[in-house]
Amino acid sequence: MSPRHAADPAPEERAAVVTGLGLTTSLGGDVPTTWRALLDGVCGVERVALGEPDGPAQEYLAAPAAVDPGTVLSPAKAAHCDRAAQFALVAAREAVRDAGFTDVSALAADGSRVAVVVGVGLGGITSVLEQDRRLRTQGPGRVSPRTIPVMLPNHPAAEVGLLVGAKAGVHAPVSACASGGEALAQALGMIRDGRADIVVAGGAEAALHPLVLAGFARLRALSRRHDDPKGASRPFDADRDGFVMGEGAGLLVVESARHAAARGARVHGRLTGAGITNDSHHVAQPAPGGTGCAAAVDAALRDAGLAPEQVGHVNAHATSTPLGDLGEARALHSVFAKGVDDIAVSATKAAFGHTLGAAGAIEAVLTVLALRDRTAPPSCSLERVDPEVGLNVVGRDPAALPSGPLAAVTTSMGFGGHNVALAFAS
């Protein structure tokens, strides 16, 4: 093994810390509003009417963003971006400012040390479908010249990269509903490898469209509880029958400990480990027994140097599907064994729905907040935990987390067999 170069930072100085948080969800347009609403048991699910401008609308269950990103960005910027990229920009601006950069451009004083990783699941799907409608109804001359840039999966990442002047790399992992989690795993690797001092990372999604909803409905993945929107998304509940789609974004500023200390940054928490696996079982169903998810959680703990008993909180993927929730529960039982009863498990998609490629990043933000505030957020619709699940799921009221050193894990899974687990510490 070659000796470490004298100018290289020590491993502990390359540790990744979280210095900035940004959110936009169905509960609120920023972190404080979303967090407060989540702890108060607010549910962002409602009935929404969706359809093409020249056709009939149909009612769906969904969790649309509480704040339209087009009202936050300048009209010129909003017009040039797909809705998913708009969400990413709103969350990125908040995260960067929360990290102490009052002028967003100040982050790029040396852009060669700044990177961006923003994952998506479906990306610019709504823009693609709108331009296809124009092509069919108005002809090729009415198709927007911005069609190609906004339909690309890297569009949100590219826009955030331009916002912060990132030159160390701009990346866009696409791993279905695990994309946001994978973006943070990649950010952790970039910090550890010394490829960047600051990585703005997370996920964004805006896919509330009749075609997408109809497709998930045909898979029998969506809740059919149309008479009870606030109780439709019921992760880990004995009566769960499918998920509710949401939209939004979560972005985090992940920074090397050395860089954060040098500029006197406030640290929300530490990103200590990541595990990525694949089921190689089925394109849309999890592996029996949650073996792939268990392997990802185990890998994240080993990467973080954590023993299972050091984990006091899990923010679970928990979409509210019968098979998915049960598989994840079995995975957690496998990893934590008898200690699983001491872990407060939050299932926050009950409140803001399943945001697909943004989910892992949004839930990473919530995990950092849970450790910071020593509060595990509630599951606003939970009636009765499925006996087969057998986890200590946080009910309708927040649960206090213990004082002292504490670690937490958040999980993400996606079609294609993707599994991502992230470990955080206070």
Protein backbone atom coordinates (compact mmCIF):
# COMPACT_ATOMS: atom_id res chain seq x y z
CA MET A 1 0.00 0.00 0.00
CA SER A 2 1.41 3.37 -0.97
CA PRO A 3 1.72 5.97 1.80
CA ARG A 4 -0.81 8.77 1.91
CA HIS A 5 0.45 11.94 0.25
CA ALA A 6 1.37 14.57 2.81
CA ALA A 7 -1.09 17.05 1.29
CA ASP A 8 -4.00 14.61 1.36
CA PRO A 9 -6.53 15.09 4.15
CA ALA A 10 -6.80 12.35 6.76
CA PRO A 11 -9.80 9.99 6.42
CA GLU A 12 -11.63 11.68 9.30
CA GLU A 13 -11.28 15.01 7.51
CA ARG A 14 -12.91 13.47 4.45
CA ALA A 15 -15.90 12.38 6.50
CA ALA A 16 -19.14 13.66 5.01
CA VAL A 17 -21.28 16.08 6.97
CA VAL A 18 -24.65 17.55 6.07
CA THR A 19 -24.61 21.34 6.22
CA GLY A 20 -27.68 22.26 4.17
CA LEU A 21 -31.23 20.93 3.77
CA GLY A 22 -33.89 21.75 1.19
CA LEU A 23 -37.40 20.37 0.65
CA THR A 24 -40.56 20.97 -1.30
CA THR A 25 -43.40 18.51 -0.76
CA SER A 26 -47.17 18.27 -0.48
CA LEU A 27 -46.77 19.37 3.15
CA GLY A 28 -44.88 22.59 2.44
CA GLY A 29 -42.57 24.47 0.15
CA ASP A 30 -39.54 24.36 2.44
CA VAL A 31 -37.94 22.39 5.27
CA PRO A 32 -39.46 24.15 8.32
CA THR A 33 -43.01 24.03 6.92
CA THR A 34 -42.76 20.40 5.83
CA TRP A 35 -41.18 19.24 9.09
CA ARG A 36 -43.71 21.08 11.25
CA ALA A 37 -46.65 19.73 9.25
CA LEU A 38 -45.26 16.20 9.36
CA LEU A 39 -44.87 16.30 13.15
CA ASP A 40 -48.37 17.75 13.46
CA GLY A 41 -49.84 14.78 11.59
CA VAL A 42 -50.89 16.72 8.49
CA CYS A 43 -51.59 14.63 5.38
CA GLY A 44 -50.99 16.08 1.90
CA VAL A 45 -53.07 13.50 0.02
CA GLU A 46 -56.18 14.72 -1.75
CA ARG A 47 -58.43 14.05 -4.72
CA VAL A 48 -57.11 15.78 -7.84
CA ALA A 49 -58.63 16.11 -11.29
CA LEU A 50 -56.15 15.41 -14.09
CA GLY A 51 -56.58 15.35 -17.86
CA GLU A 52 -55.39 16.88 -21.11
CA PRO A 53 -56.41 20.52 -21.74
CA ASP A 54 -58.76 19.51 -24.55
CA GLY A 55 -60.18 16.41 -22.90
CA PRO A 56 -62.20 15.30 -19.89
CA ALA A 57 -60.56 15.19 -16.48
CA GLN A 58 -60.58 12.19 -14.18
CA GLU A 59 -60.24 12.19 -10.42
CA TYR A 60 -57.23 10.54 -8.82
CA LEU A 61 -55.70 10.28 -5.37
CA ALA A 62 -52.41 12.18 -5.24
CA ALA A 63 -50.21 14.38 -3.07
CA PRO A 64 -49.47 17.48 -5.18
CA ALA A 65 -46.89 20.01 -4.05
CA ALA A 66 -48.16 22.53 -1.51
CA VAL A 67 -46.32 25.33 -3.33
CA ASP A 68 -46.19 25.52 -7.12
CA PRO A 69 -42.48 25.87 -8.01
CA GLY A 70 -43.40 28.15 -10.89
CA THR A 71 -44.49 30.77 -8.34
CA VAL A 72 -41.12 30.63 -6.57
CA LEU A 73 -38.76 30.79 -9.54
CA SER A 74 -38.53 33.69 -11.95
CA PRO A 75 -40.95 33.39 -14.89
CA ALA A 76 -38.03 33.06 -17.32
CA LYS A 77 -36.39 30.24 -15.38
CA ALA A 78 -39.66 28.40 -14.79
CA ALA A 79 -40.49 28.58 -18.50
CA HIS A 80 -37.19 26.95 -19.43
CA CYS A 81 -37.48 24.04 -16.98
CA ASP A 82 -39.51 20.89 -16.64
CA ARG A 83 -41.50 20.75 -13.41
CA ALA A 84 -39.11 18.20 -11.89
CA ALA A 85 -36.18 20.57 -12.50
CA GLN A 86 -38.21 23.42 -11.01
CA PHE A 87 -38.63 21.40 -7.82
CA ALA A 88 -34.92 20.58 -7.79
CA LEU A 89 -33.99 24.25 -8.11
CA VAL A 90 -36.34 25.33 -5.31
CA ALA A 91 -34.96 22.70 -2.92
CA ALA A 92 -31.35 23.35 -3.98
CA ARG A 93 -31.65 27.08 -3.34
CA GLU A 94 -32.97 26.42 0.15
CA ALA A 95 -30.28 23.84 0.89
CA VAL A 96 -27.45 26.07 -0.29
CA ARG A 97 -28.68 29.03 1.73
CA ASP A 98 -29.24 26.80 4.75
CA ALA A 99 -25.61 25.75 4.41
CA GLY A 100 -24.59 29.36 5.01
CA PHE A 101 -24.16 30.61 1.46
CA THR A 102 -26.46 33.63 1.51
CA ASP A 103 -25.53 34.31 -2.11
CA VAL A 104 -25.96 31.08 -4.07
CA SER A 105 -23.20 32.10 -6.45
CA ALA A 106 -20.77 32.22 -3.49
CA LEU A 107 -20.82 28.42 -3.49
CA ALA A 108 -18.96 28.46 -6.78
CA ALA A 109 -15.97 30.55 -5.68
CA ASP A 110 -13.97 27.50 -6.75
CA GLY A 111 -16.38 25.48 -8.87
CA SER A 112 -13.74 22.84 -9.49
CA ARG A 113 -14.43 21.54 -5.96
CA VAL A 114 -18.25 21.63 -6.22
CA ALA A 115 -20.34 18.75 -7.60
CA VAL A 116 -24.02 17.96 -8.08
CA VAL A 117 -25.84 14.62 -8.02
CA VAL A 118 -29.62 14.72 -8.55
CA GLY A 119 -31.53 11.53 -9.24
CA VAL A 120 -34.92 11.08 -10.92
CA GLY A 121 -37.24 8.18 -11.60
CA LEU A 122 -39.35 9.36 -14.51
CA GLY A 123 -37.75 12.78 -14.96
CA GLY A 124 -39.30 14.94 -17.65
CA ILE A 125 -42.21 12.60 -18.38
CA THR A 126 -44.90 15.29 -18.13
CA SER A 127 -43.02 17.56 -20.55
CA VAL A 128 -42.61 14.68 -23.02
CA LEU A 129 -46.32 13.88 -22.90
CA GLU A 130 -47.29 17.53 -23.30
CA GLN A 131 -45.08 17.97 -26.35
CA ASP A 132 -46.43 14.74 -27.81
CA ARG A 133 -49.95 16.15 -27.38
CA ARG A 134 -48.91 19.32 -29.21
CA LEU A 135 -47.37 17.28 -32.00
CA ARG A 136 -50.56 15.27 -32.45
CA THR A 137 -53.01 18.16 -32.18
CA GLN A 138 -51.10 21.18 -33.54
CA GLY A 139 -48.30 19.80 -35.68
CA PRO A 140 -44.48 19.74 -35.43
CA GLY A 141 -44.16 23.52 -35.67
CA ARG A 142 -45.78 23.89 -32.25
CA VAL A 143 -43.36 21.56 -30.46
CA SER A 144 -41.17 23.51 -28.05
CA PRO A 145 -37.50 23.99 -29.00
CA ARG A 146 -36.72 23.14 -25.37
CA THR A 147 -38.23 19.65 -25.71
CA ILE A 148 -34.96 17.72 -25.88
CA PRO A 149 -33.13 19.39 -22.96
CA VAL A 150 -36.11 19.11 -20.59
CA MET A 151 -36.92 15.48 -21.43
CA LEU A 152 -33.44 14.24 -20.52
CA PRO A 153 -33.06 12.52 -17.11
CA ASN A 154 -30.09 14.78 -16.32
CA HIS A 155 -32.15 17.98 -16.71
CA PRO A 156 -32.74 18.62 -12.96
CA ALA A 157 -29.09 17.86 -12.19
CA ALA A 158 -27.91 20.11 -15.01
CA GLU A 159 -30.05 23.02 -13.81
CA VAL A 160 -28.79 22.66 -10.24
CA GLY A 161 -25.25 22.39 -11.57
CA LEU A 162 -25.69 25.69 -13.42
CA LEU A 163 -27.19 27.27 -10.30
CA VAL A 164 -24.16 26.51 -8.13
CA GLY A 165 -21.44 26.56 -10.78
CA ALA A 166 -20.50 22.91 -10.26
CA LYS A 167 -17.40 21.85 -12.19
CA ALA A 168 -16.29 18.78 -10.25
CA GLY A 169 -19.06 16.76 -11.89
CA VAL A 170 -22.81 16.81 -12.47
CA HIS A 171 -24.45 13.39 -12.27
CA ALA A 172 -27.97 12.01 -12.60
CA PRO A 173 -28.49 8.46 -11.29
CA VAL A 174 -31.69 6.85 -12.56
CA SER A 175 -32.61 3.88 -10.39
CA ALA A 176 -36.39 4.19 -10.28
CA CYS A 177 -37.58 4.92 -6.73
CA ALA A 178 -34.07 4.43 -5.31
CA SER A 179 -32.59 7.30 -7.37
CA GLY A 180 -32.55 9.94 -4.62
CA GLY A 181 -30.87 7.56 -2.20
CA GLU A 182 -28.32 6.52 -4.80
CA ALA A 183 -27.51 10.19 -5.45
CA LEU A 184 -26.53 10.60 -1.81
CA ALA A 185 -24.48 7.42 -1.86
CA GLN A 186 -22.61 8.82 -4.85
CA ALA A 187 -22.11 12.13 -3.05
CA LEU A 188 -20.60 10.29 -0.09
CA GLY A 189 -18.17 8.54 -2.40
CA MET A 190 -17.12 11.79 -4.03
CA ILE A 191 -16.37 13.38 -0.66
CA ARG A 192 -14.44 10.35 0.57
CA ASP A 193 -12.42 10.07 -2.63
CA GLY A 194 -11.49 13.74 -2.47
CA ARG A 195 -13.15 14.51 -5.80
CA ALA A 196 -15.17 17.37 -4.31
CA ASP A 197 -15.41 19.48 -1.17
CA ILE A 198 -19.14 20.17 -1.59
CA VAL A 199 -21.78 18.03 -3.27
CA VAL A 200 -25.36 19.24 -3.68
CA ALA A 201 -27.25 15.95 -3.87
CA GLY A 202 -30.75 14.52 -3.76
CA GLY A 203 -33.72 13.77 -5.97
CA ALA A 204 -36.68 15.37 -7.71
CA GLU A 205 -39.87 14.13 -9.34
CA ALA A 206 -42.97 15.57 -10.98
CA ALA A 207 -44.96 12.77 -12.57
CA LEU A 208 -48.59 13.41 -11.64
CA HIS A 209 -50.05 12.65 -15.06
CA PRO A 210 -53.02 10.47 -16.05
CA LEU A 211 -50.81 8.08 -18.04
CA VAL A 212 -48.45 7.49 -15.12
CA LEU A 213 -51.28 7.06 -12.65
CA ALA A 214 -53.18 4.76 -15.02
CA GLY A 215 -50.05 2.66 -15.50
CA PHE A 216 -49.50 2.22 -11.77
CA ALA A 217 -53.21 1.50 -11.33
CA ARG A 218 -53.02 -1.26 -13.94
CA LEU A 219 -50.18 -2.76 -11.91
CA ARG A 220 -52.57 -2.68 -8.93
CA ALA A 221 -49.94 -0.66 -7.08
CA LEU A 222 -52.16 2.31 -6.13
CA SER A 223 -54.53 2.61 -3.21
CA ARG A 224 -58.17 2.29 -4.17
CA ARG A 225 -59.41 4.04 -1.03
CA HIS A 226 -60.87 7.00 -2.96
CA ASP A 227 -63.48 7.69 -0.31
CA ASP A 228 -60.77 8.32 2.29
CA PRO A 229 -57.86 10.35 0.79
CA LYS A 230 -56.25 11.10 4.15
CA GLY A 231 -56.25 7.43 5.06
CA ALA A 232 -55.33 6.05 1.65
CA SER A 233 -51.56 5.77 2.12
CA ARG A 234 -51.11 3.38 5.07
CA PRO A 235 -47.55 2.04 5.22
CA PHE A 236 -47.17 -1.05 7.42
CA ASP A 237 -50.89 -0.95 8.29
CA ALA A 238 -52.86 -4.19 8.31
CA ASP A 239 -55.32 -2.67 5.82
CA ARG A 240 -52.86 -1.11 3.36
CA ASP A 241 -53.83 -1.59 -0.28
CA GLY A 242 -51.32 0.41 -2.32
CA PHE A 243 -49.49 3.71 -2.51
CA VAL A 244 -50.46 7.28 -3.38
CA MET A 245 -48.24 9.23 -5.74
CA GLY A 246 -46.69 12.51 -4.67
CA GLU A 247 -44.28 15.04 -6.15
CA GLY A 248 -41.47 17.27 -4.92
CA ALA A 249 -37.76 17.31 -4.20
CA GLY A 250 -35.20 16.89 -1.46
CA LEU A 251 -31.67 18.31 -1.75
CA LEU A 252 -28.82 18.17 0.78
CA VAL A 253 -25.48 19.94 0.88
CA VAL A 254 -22.97 17.22 1.69
CA GLU A 255 -19.55 18.55 2.57
CA SER A 256 -16.21 17.22 3.71
CA ALA A 257 -15.74 17.68 7.45
CA ARG A 258 -12.51 19.56 6.83
CA HIS A 259 -14.10 22.03 4.43
CA ALA A 260 -17.12 22.58 6.69
CA ALA A 261 -14.89 23.19 9.73
CA ALA A 262 -12.66 25.60 7.82
CA ARG A 263 -15.57 27.86 6.97
CA GLY A 264 -17.28 27.48 10.35
CA ALA A 265 -20.37 25.81 8.92
CA ARG A 266 -23.22 24.54 11.08
CA VAL A 267 -23.51 20.76 10.82
CA HIS A 268 -26.95 19.12 10.89
CA GLY A 269 -25.58 15.59 11.01
CA ARG A 270 -23.16 13.14 9.43
CA LEU A 271 -23.65 10.89 6.39
CA THR A 272 -21.63 7.90 7.54
CA GLY A 273 -22.36 4.99 5.22
CA ALA A 274 -24.14 3.70 2.14
CA GLY A 275 -25.08 0.29 0.82
CA ILE A 276 -26.28 -0.49 -2.71
CA THR A 277 -27.51 -3.90 -3.87
CA ASN A 278 -29.83 -5.40 -6.48
CA ASP A 279 -32.36 -8.20 -6.10
CA SER A 280 -31.91 -9.64 -9.62
CA HIS A 281 -35.32 -11.22 -9.02
CA HIS A 282 -38.12 -9.40 -10.85
CA VAL A 283 -38.57 -6.11 -12.66
CA ALA A 284 -41.36 -4.92 -10.34
CA GLN A 285 -41.47 -7.20 -7.29
CA PRO A 286 -39.01 -7.32 -4.37
CA ALA A 287 -37.00 -10.43 -3.63
CA PRO A 288 -38.76 -12.84 -1.26
CA GLY A 289 -37.95 -12.10 2.35
CA GLY A 290 -36.46 -8.71 1.50
CA THR A 291 -33.01 -10.23 1.08
CA GLY A 292 -31.75 -7.48 -1.22
CA CYS A 293 -32.91 -4.72 1.12
CA ALA A 294 -31.34 -6.52 4.08
CA ALA A 295 -28.03 -6.77 2.22
CA ALA A 296 -28.11 -3.04 1.48
CA VAL A 297 -28.79 -2.12 5.12
CA ASP A 298 -26.07 -4.46 6.30
CA ALA A 299 -23.63 -2.96 3.77
CA ALA A 300 -24.49 0.58 4.90
CA LEU A 301 -23.84 -0.30 8.54
CA ARG A 302 -20.53 -1.95 7.72
CA ASP A 303 -19.54 1.01 5.57
CA ALA A 304 -20.36 3.34 8.47
CA GLY A 305 -18.58 1.20 11.04
CA LEU A 306 -21.82 0.84 12.98
CA ALA A 307 -23.16 -2.11 14.93
CA PRO A 308 -26.90 -2.78 14.52
CA GLU A 309 -27.51 -1.95 18.19
CA GLN A 310 -26.26 1.61 17.63
CA VAL A 311 -29.24 2.35 15.35
CA GLY A 312 -32.21 3.91 17.11
CA HIS A 313 -34.28 5.08 14.16
CA VAL A 314 -35.21 3.93 10.66
CA ASN A 315 -37.05 6.01 8.08
CA ALA A 316 -38.42 3.17 5.98
CA HIS A 317 -39.16 3.08 2.26
CA ALA A 318 -42.61 1.75 3.25
CA THR A 319 -44.73 2.65 0.23
CA SER A 320 -47.96 1.05 1.56
CA THR A 321 -48.01 -1.90 -0.86
CA PRO A 322 -48.77 -5.31 0.67
CA LEU A 323 -45.71 -7.10 -0.73
CA GLY A 324 -43.21 -4.24 -0.53
CA ASP A 325 -43.87 -3.33 3.10
CA LEU A 326 -43.76 -6.95 4.23
CA GLY A 327 -40.50 -7.59 2.40
CA GLU A 328 -38.89 -4.53 3.94
CA ALA A 329 -40.12 -5.50 7.40
CA ARG A 330 -38.52 -8.92 7.02
CA ALA A 331 -35.31 -7.25 5.90
CA LEU A 332 -35.20 -5.10 9.04
CA HIS A 333 -35.92 -8.12 11.24
CA SER A 334 -33.08 -9.95 9.51
CA VAL A 335 -30.53 -7.17 10.09
CA PHE A 336 -31.53 -6.00 13.57
CA ALA A 337 -32.85 -9.30 14.97
CA LYS A 338 -34.13 -8.97 18.55
CA GLY A 339 -32.98 -5.35 18.70
CA VAL A 340 -35.56 -4.33 16.10
CA ASP A 341 -38.13 -3.73 18.86
CA ASP A 342 -35.98 -0.88 20.19
CA ILE A 343 -35.89 0.96 16.86
CA ALA A 344 -38.45 3.67 16.14
CA VAL A 345 -39.54 3.06 12.53
CA SER A 346 -41.12 6.00 10.69
CA ALA A 347 -43.22 5.54 7.55
CA THR A 348 -43.52 9.10 6.28
CA LYS A 349 -45.03 8.39 2.86
CA ALA A 350 -48.33 8.28 4.71
CA ALA A 351 -48.17 12.07 4.77
CA PHE A 352 -46.70 13.12 1.41
CA GLY A 353 -47.13 10.08 -0.79
CA HIS A 354 -44.59 8.22 -2.86
CA THR A 355 -42.43 10.73 -4.70
CA LEU A 356 -40.63 8.06 -6.76
CA GLY A 357 -37.11 9.24 -7.61
CA ALA A 358 -37.26 12.00 -4.99
CA ALA A 359 -38.35 9.73 -2.14
CA GLY A 360 -34.94 8.62 -0.90
CA ALA A 361 -33.65 12.18 -0.77
CA ILE A 362 -36.74 13.62 0.93
CA GLU A 363 -36.58 10.88 3.53
CA ALA A 364 -32.84 11.45 4.00
CA VAL A 365 -33.61 15.07 4.91
CA LEU A 366 -36.24 13.85 7.39
CA THR A 367 -33.78 11.36 8.87
CA VAL A 368 -31.24 14.11 9.49
CA LEU A 369 -33.95 16.23 11.13
CA ALA A 370 -35.08 13.31 13.28
CA LEU A 371 -31.56 12.85 14.63
CA ARG A 372 -31.04 16.58 15.07
CA ASP A 373 -34.32 17.13 16.93
CA ARG A 374 -34.39 13.67 18.59
CA THR A 375 -37.87 13.10 17.22
CA ALA A 376 -39.07 10.26 15.01
CA PRO A 377 -41.89 11.56 12.78
CA PRO A 378 -45.33 9.92 12.88
CA SER A 379 -47.29 7.91 10.36
CA CYS A 380 -50.40 10.05 10.12
CA SER A 381 -52.75 7.32 8.83
CA LEU A 382 -51.64 4.31 10.87
CA GLU A 383 -54.53 2.40 12.44
CA ARG A 384 -53.05 -1.01 13.28
CA VAL A 385 -49.62 -2.39 12.45
CA ASP A 386 -49.83 -5.55 10.38
CA PRO A 387 -48.96 -8.43 12.76
CA GLU A 388 -46.76 -9.91 10.01
CA VAL A 389 -44.78 -6.65 9.90
CA GLY A 390 -44.06 -6.75 13.62
CA LEU A 391 -42.05 -3.51 13.78
CA ASN A 392 -42.08 -0.67 16.30
CA VAL A 393 -43.78 1.68 13.82
CA VAL A 394 -44.28 5.25 15.06
CA GLY A 395 -48.02 5.89 15.21
CA ARG A 396 -49.96 9.11 14.87
CA ASP A 397 -47.81 11.01 17.35
CA PRO A 398 -44.07 11.72 17.10
CA ALA A 399 -41.78 9.52 19.18
CA ALA A 400 -38.91 10.85 21.27
CA LEU A 401 -35.48 9.47 20.39
CA PRO A 402 -32.87 8.91 23.13
CA SER A 403 -30.12 11.40 23.95
CA GLY A 404 -26.45 10.66 23.41
CA PRO A 405 -24.72 9.26 20.31
CA LEU A 406 -27.35 7.98 17.92
CA ALA A 407 -27.45 6.54 14.40
CA ALA A 408 -30.28 6.14 11.91
CA VAL A 409 -30.87 4.38 8.62
CA THR A 410 -33.10 5.23 5.69
CA THR A 411 -33.99 2.77 2.95
CA SER A 412 -34.99 3.06 -0.71
CA MET A 413 -36.11 0.46 -3.23
CA GLY A 414 -37.09 0.67 -6.87
CA PHE A 415 -38.38 -1.26 -9.85
CA GLY A 416 -35.55 -3.19 -11.40
CA GLY A 417 -34.53 -4.58 -8.03
CA HIS A 418 -32.63 -1.50 -6.81
CA ASN A 419 -31.92 -1.25 -3.07
CA VAL A 420 -30.16 1.65 -1.34
CA ALA A 421 -29.59 2.19 2.37
CA LEU A 422 -27.99 5.25 3.94
CA ALA A 423 -26.61 5.55 7.47
CA PHE A 424 -26.59 8.84 9.34
CA ALA A 425 -25.27 9.81 12.76
CA SER A 426 -25.89 12.74 15.05
